Amino acid sequence: MSDLTVDVRGVHKSFGPLQVLRGVDLQVRTGEVAALLGPSGSGKSTLLRVVNHLERADRGWVTIDGELIGYRRSGTRLHELAEKEILRQRAKVGFVFQNFNLFPHLTVLENLMEAPLAAGRARRAELLTQAHALLARVGLADKAHTYPRRLSGGQQQRVAIARALVLKPKVLLFDEPTSALDPELVDEVLDVIEDLARAGTTMIVVTHEIEFARRVADTVVFMHDGVIVEQGPPSAVLDDPRHPRARAFLSKVL
């Protein structure tokens, strides 16, 4: 399936006795947006972290563009890659966290340039041009030399999105990107993500913004207790959920 960007197969993950993921399969095609919904503790954020190997799966595997993430296969066995190789693979996966995770001692422009310069991915002049273009894309062209503490939460999250894009990832992962924002700042971040969706960016978005999921997602995935219990187009999952847990959850938030 050449148009498959993300392929998650049979992923299990436990933390001590707590089973967080219990055999998750998820496929996201190139240019698609998958919105992950579900109650807190259902495994959504852990699944994102397994996709780019911030968490090791106990069982199962993930590929991005056909490349096994975090491991090499030898016969029927998987062997974890060296950290240098894992970091190389992570460049394919942009990750936008809840709490921005910007470097406070670096300007906005320096935040964007830090990772690609360290990885030797581009010449400085090239990278400067690209970083300025990305800041313009997220509406922050005038903030290049500002430090994060002088930005609003919405502006910081838009910088975080630009930083994730600078390495030209195959897929962008968003872990509740508006949950740390004041309500009046939510739309400015969702608008940027919506623009990325229109441009054909492959994305997996953990969100509680149901109407945003309806507008933007190609596929809505509802998780409960570490498994995917319902998946399909927004009109099916949001308007006519079949699983009782999905119906109960959505009846409270719609």
Protein backbone atom coordinates (compact mmCIF):
# COMPACT_ATOMS: atom_id res chain seq x y z
CA MET A 1 0.00 0.00 0.00
CA SER A 2 2.26 2.74 -1.34
CA ASP A 3 0.04 5.60 -0.14
CA LEU A 4 0.15 4.43 3.49
CA THR A 5 2.22 6.83 5.63
CA VAL A 6 1.58 5.45 9.14
CA ASP A 7 0.95 1.77 9.85
CA VAL A 8 0.44 0.67 13.47
CA ARG A 9 0.02 -3.07 13.97
CA GLY A 10 -0.91 -4.95 17.13
CA VAL A 11 0.64 -2.44 19.53
CA HIS A 12 0.56 -3.25 23.25
CA LYS A 13 1.99 -1.03 25.98
CA SER A 14 1.92 -1.41 29.76
CA PHE A 15 3.34 0.64 32.60
CA GLY A 16 3.85 -1.88 35.36
CA PRO A 17 0.51 -3.67 35.88
CA LEU A 18 -1.43 -0.98 33.98
CA GLN A 19 -2.27 -1.98 30.40
CA VAL A 20 -2.50 1.26 28.43
CA LEU A 21 -2.61 -0.09 24.86
CA ARG A 22 -4.08 -3.49 24.17
CA GLY A 23 -3.53 -4.45 20.55
CA VAL A 24 -4.00 -1.24 18.57
CA ASP A 25 -4.10 -1.23 14.76
CA LEU A 26 -4.21 2.12 12.96
CA GLN A 27 -3.47 3.04 9.36
CA VAL A 28 -3.23 6.63 8.10
CA ARG A 29 -2.84 7.26 4.40
CA THR A 30 -0.75 10.03 2.88
CA GLY A 31 -2.55 13.36 3.11
CA GLU A 32 -5.15 12.11 5.58
CA VAL A 33 -6.02 13.54 8.99
CA ALA A 34 -6.95 11.08 11.75
CA ALA A 35 -8.56 12.58 14.87
CA LEU A 36 -8.20 10.50 18.04
CA LEU A 37 -11.04 10.95 20.52
CA GLY A 38 -11.82 9.30 23.82
CA PRO A 39 -11.86 9.81 27.57
CA SER A 40 -8.73 10.58 29.56
CA GLY A 41 -6.71 7.45 30.16
CA SER A 42 -7.91 5.68 27.01
CA GLY A 43 -4.38 5.48 25.55
CA LYS A 44 -4.46 8.26 22.94
CA SER A 45 -1.32 10.12 24.01
CA THR A 46 0.60 6.90 24.62
CA LEU A 47 -0.25 5.75 21.11
CA LEU A 48 1.21 8.97 19.67
CA ARG A 49 4.39 8.48 21.69
CA VAL A 50 4.74 4.91 20.43
CA VAL A 51 4.39 6.11 16.82
CA ASN A 52 7.66 8.05 17.05
CA HIS A 53 9.27 5.70 19.59
CA LEU A 54 9.22 8.09 22.54
CA GLU A 55 7.70 5.00 24.19
CA ARG A 56 8.72 1.46 23.28
CA ALA A 57 5.88 -0.88 22.38
CA ASP A 58 5.84 -4.10 24.41
CA ARG A 59 4.42 -5.93 21.39
CA GLY A 60 3.58 -4.93 17.85
CA TRP A 61 5.28 -2.46 15.54
CA VAL A 62 4.98 0.84 13.67
CA THR A 63 6.15 1.77 10.18
CA ILE A 64 6.29 5.22 8.60
CA ASP A 65 6.57 5.27 4.83
CA GLY A 66 7.30 1.56 5.03
CA GLU A 67 10.27 1.96 7.41
CA LEU A 68 10.11 0.12 10.73
CA ILE A 69 10.37 2.69 13.54
CA GLY A 70 12.76 2.07 16.42
CA TYR A 71 13.83 -1.42 15.34
CA ARG A 72 15.43 -3.52 12.64
CA ARG A 73 14.00 -6.89 11.78
CA SER A 74 16.16 -10.00 11.84
CA GLY A 75 14.10 -13.00 10.83
CA THR A 76 11.16 -13.03 13.23
CA ARG A 77 12.91 -10.89 15.87
CA LEU A 78 13.06 -7.13 16.32
CA HIS A 79 16.23 -5.47 17.60
CA GLU A 80 16.12 -1.90 18.88
CA LEU A 81 18.14 0.60 16.89
CA ALA A 82 20.93 2.73 18.30
CA GLU A 83 19.80 6.11 19.63
CA LYS A 84 21.43 7.92 16.69
CA GLU A 85 19.31 5.93 14.24
CA ILE A 86 16.16 6.49 16.28
CA LEU A 87 16.81 10.25 16.24
CA ARG A 88 17.24 10.11 12.47
CA GLN A 89 13.88 8.38 12.17
CA ARG A 90 12.18 10.88 14.47
CA ALA A 91 13.01 13.61 11.96
CA LYS A 92 10.24 12.03 9.85
CA VAL A 93 7.71 12.68 12.61
CA GLY A 94 6.81 16.17 13.80
CA PHE A 95 5.43 16.16 17.35
CA VAL A 96 3.47 19.08 18.82
CA PHE A 97 2.98 18.72 22.57
CA GLN A 98 0.29 20.13 24.87
CA ASN A 99 2.67 22.52 26.62
CA PHE A 100 4.67 23.87 23.66
CA ASN A 101 8.11 22.63 24.88
CA LEU A 102 9.96 25.60 23.41
CA PHE A 103 13.47 26.41 24.58
CA PRO A 104 13.00 29.52 26.78
CA HIS A 105 16.59 30.76 26.28
CA LEU A 106 16.29 30.78 22.47
CA THR A 107 14.39 33.21 20.28
CA VAL A 108 11.52 32.00 18.13
CA LEU A 109 13.81 31.79 15.09
CA GLU A 110 16.49 29.94 17.05
CA ASN A 111 13.89 27.47 18.31
CA LEU A 112 13.05 26.60 14.71
CA MET A 113 16.68 26.28 13.62
CA GLU A 114 18.13 24.37 16.58
CA ALA A 115 17.25 20.78 15.59
CA PRO A 116 18.03 20.93 11.85
CA LEU A 117 21.34 22.70 12.48
CA ALA A 118 22.33 20.12 15.09
CA ALA A 119 21.43 17.34 12.67
CA GLY A 120 23.31 18.96 9.80
CA ARG A 121 20.14 18.83 7.72
CA ALA A 122 20.57 22.17 5.91
CA ARG A 123 22.89 25.09 5.40
CA ARG A 124 22.28 28.04 7.69
CA ALA A 125 21.28 30.46 4.92
CA GLU A 126 18.85 27.92 3.46
CA LEU A 127 17.42 27.21 6.87
CA LEU A 128 16.94 30.90 7.67
CA THR A 129 14.85 31.33 4.55
CA GLN A 130 12.78 28.26 5.36
CA ALA A 131 12.27 29.25 9.02
CA HIS A 132 11.11 32.74 8.11
CA ALA A 133 8.69 31.28 5.54
CA LEU A 134 7.24 28.91 8.16
CA LEU A 135 6.79 31.71 10.67
CA ALA A 136 4.90 33.66 8.03
CA ARG A 137 2.78 30.57 7.34
CA VAL A 138 1.65 30.41 10.98
CA GLY A 139 1.11 34.18 11.16
CA LEU A 140 4.18 35.04 13.24
CA ALA A 141 6.56 36.65 10.75
CA ASP A 142 7.06 39.60 13.11
CA LYS A 143 8.03 37.43 16.11
CA ALA A 144 11.24 35.84 14.79
CA HIS A 145 13.50 37.55 17.34
CA THR A 146 11.11 37.36 20.29
CA TYR A 147 11.65 35.01 23.25
CA PRO A 148 8.86 32.52 24.09
CA ARG A 149 8.03 34.15 27.45
CA ARG A 150 6.86 37.25 25.58
CA LEU A 151 4.35 35.28 23.49
CA SER A 152 0.80 34.25 24.30
CA GLY A 153 0.04 30.55 24.65
CA GLY A 154 -1.54 30.49 21.21
CA GLN A 155 1.51 32.13 19.68
CA GLN A 156 3.84 29.68 21.44
CA GLN A 157 1.84 26.75 20.10
CA ARG A 158 1.99 28.18 16.59
CA VAL A 159 5.79 28.44 16.96
CA ALA A 160 5.81 24.80 18.08
CA ILE A 161 3.91 23.85 14.92
CA ALA A 162 6.37 25.77 12.74
CA ARG A 163 9.25 24.06 14.55
CA ALA A 164 7.70 20.66 13.86
CA LEU A 165 7.39 21.53 10.16
CA VAL A 166 10.95 22.72 9.69
CA LEU A 167 12.32 19.17 9.27
CA LYS A 168 9.71 18.46 6.56
CA PRO A 169 8.25 15.46 8.40
CA LYS A 170 6.21 12.70 6.76
CA VAL A 171 3.55 13.01 9.46
CA LEU A 172 2.63 15.51 12.17
CA LEU A 173 1.43 14.30 15.57
CA PHE A 174 -0.58 16.66 17.80
CA ASP A 175 -1.19 15.76 21.44
CA GLU A 176 -4.18 17.89 22.51
CA PRO A 177 -2.58 21.02 21.05
CA THR A 178 -5.18 23.40 22.53
CA SER A 179 -5.64 21.90 26.00
CA ALA A 180 -3.20 24.32 27.67
CA LEU A 181 -4.69 27.40 26.01
CA ASP A 182 -7.21 29.95 27.24
CA PRO A 183 -10.48 29.50 25.30
CA GLU A 184 -10.04 32.71 23.28
CA LEU A 185 -6.70 31.44 21.91
CA VAL A 186 -7.90 28.03 20.75
CA ASP A 187 -9.14 29.07 17.31
CA GLU A 188 -5.85 30.63 16.21
CA VAL A 189 -4.11 27.27 16.68
CA LEU A 190 -6.92 25.20 15.16
CA ASP A 191 -6.94 27.51 12.12
CA VAL A 192 -3.27 26.74 11.47
CA ILE A 193 -3.89 22.98 11.76
CA GLU A 194 -6.89 23.31 9.43
CA ASP A 195 -4.70 25.12 6.87
CA LEU A 196 -2.18 22.28 7.07
CA ALA A 197 -4.97 19.77 6.48
CA ARG A 198 -6.12 21.66 3.38
CA ALA A 199 -2.52 21.60 2.13
CA GLY A 200 -2.49 17.79 2.34
CA THR A 201 -0.34 17.33 5.45
CA THR A 202 -0.62 13.85 6.97
CA MET A 203 -1.63 14.26 10.63
CA ILE A 204 -2.77 12.38 13.70
CA VAL A 205 -4.47 14.73 16.16
CA VAL A 206 -5.50 13.88 19.71
CA THR A 207 -8.22 16.39 20.49
CA HIS A 208 -11.35 17.11 22.51
CA GLU A 209 -12.46 19.71 19.95
CA ILE A 210 -15.29 17.73 18.41
CA GLU A 211 -16.44 20.28 15.83
CA PHE A 212 -12.85 20.75 14.70
CA ALA A 213 -12.60 16.97 14.21
CA ARG A 214 -15.81 17.05 12.20
CA ARG A 215 -14.46 19.77 9.88
CA VAL A 216 -10.91 18.58 9.42
CA ALA A 217 -10.61 14.81 9.94
CA ASP A 218 -10.86 12.21 7.20
CA THR A 219 -11.12 9.54 9.89
CA VAL A 220 -12.31 9.80 13.49
CA VAL A 221 -10.89 7.15 15.82
CA PHE A 222 -12.55 6.60 19.19
CA MET A 223 -10.43 4.90 21.85
CA HIS A 224 -11.55 3.39 25.14
CA ASP A 225 -9.54 1.36 27.65
CA GLY A 226 -6.52 0.95 25.37
CA VAL A 227 -8.33 -0.21 22.24
CA ILE A 228 -9.96 1.40 19.21
CA VAL A 229 -13.68 0.70 19.58
CA GLU A 230 -14.96 2.76 16.68
CA GLN A 231 -13.42 4.25 13.55
CA GLY A 232 -14.78 5.86 10.41
CA PRO A 233 -15.73 9.11 8.68
CA PRO A 234 -16.71 11.97 11.02
CA SER A 235 -20.34 11.81 9.90
CA ALA A 236 -20.57 8.16 10.95
CA VAL A 237 -18.65 8.22 14.23
CA LEU A 238 -19.84 11.60 15.51
CA ASP A 239 -23.44 11.53 14.30
CA ASP A 240 -24.26 7.84 14.61
CA PRO A 241 -21.78 6.10 16.95
CA ARG A 242 -22.43 2.40 17.34
CA HIS A 243 -20.29 1.52 20.35
CA PRO A 244 -22.06 2.28 23.67
CA ARG A 245 -18.94 3.91 25.16
CA ALA A 246 -18.59 6.22 22.15
CA ARG A 247 -22.31 7.09 22.33
CA ALA A 248 -22.07 7.88 26.05
CA PHE A 249 -18.94 10.03 25.62
CA LEU A 250 -20.21 11.97 22.62
CA SER A 251 -23.63 12.59 24.19
CA LYS A 252 -21.87 14.58 26.90
CA VAL A 253 -19.63 16.70 24.64
CA LEU A 254 -21.80 17.41 21.61
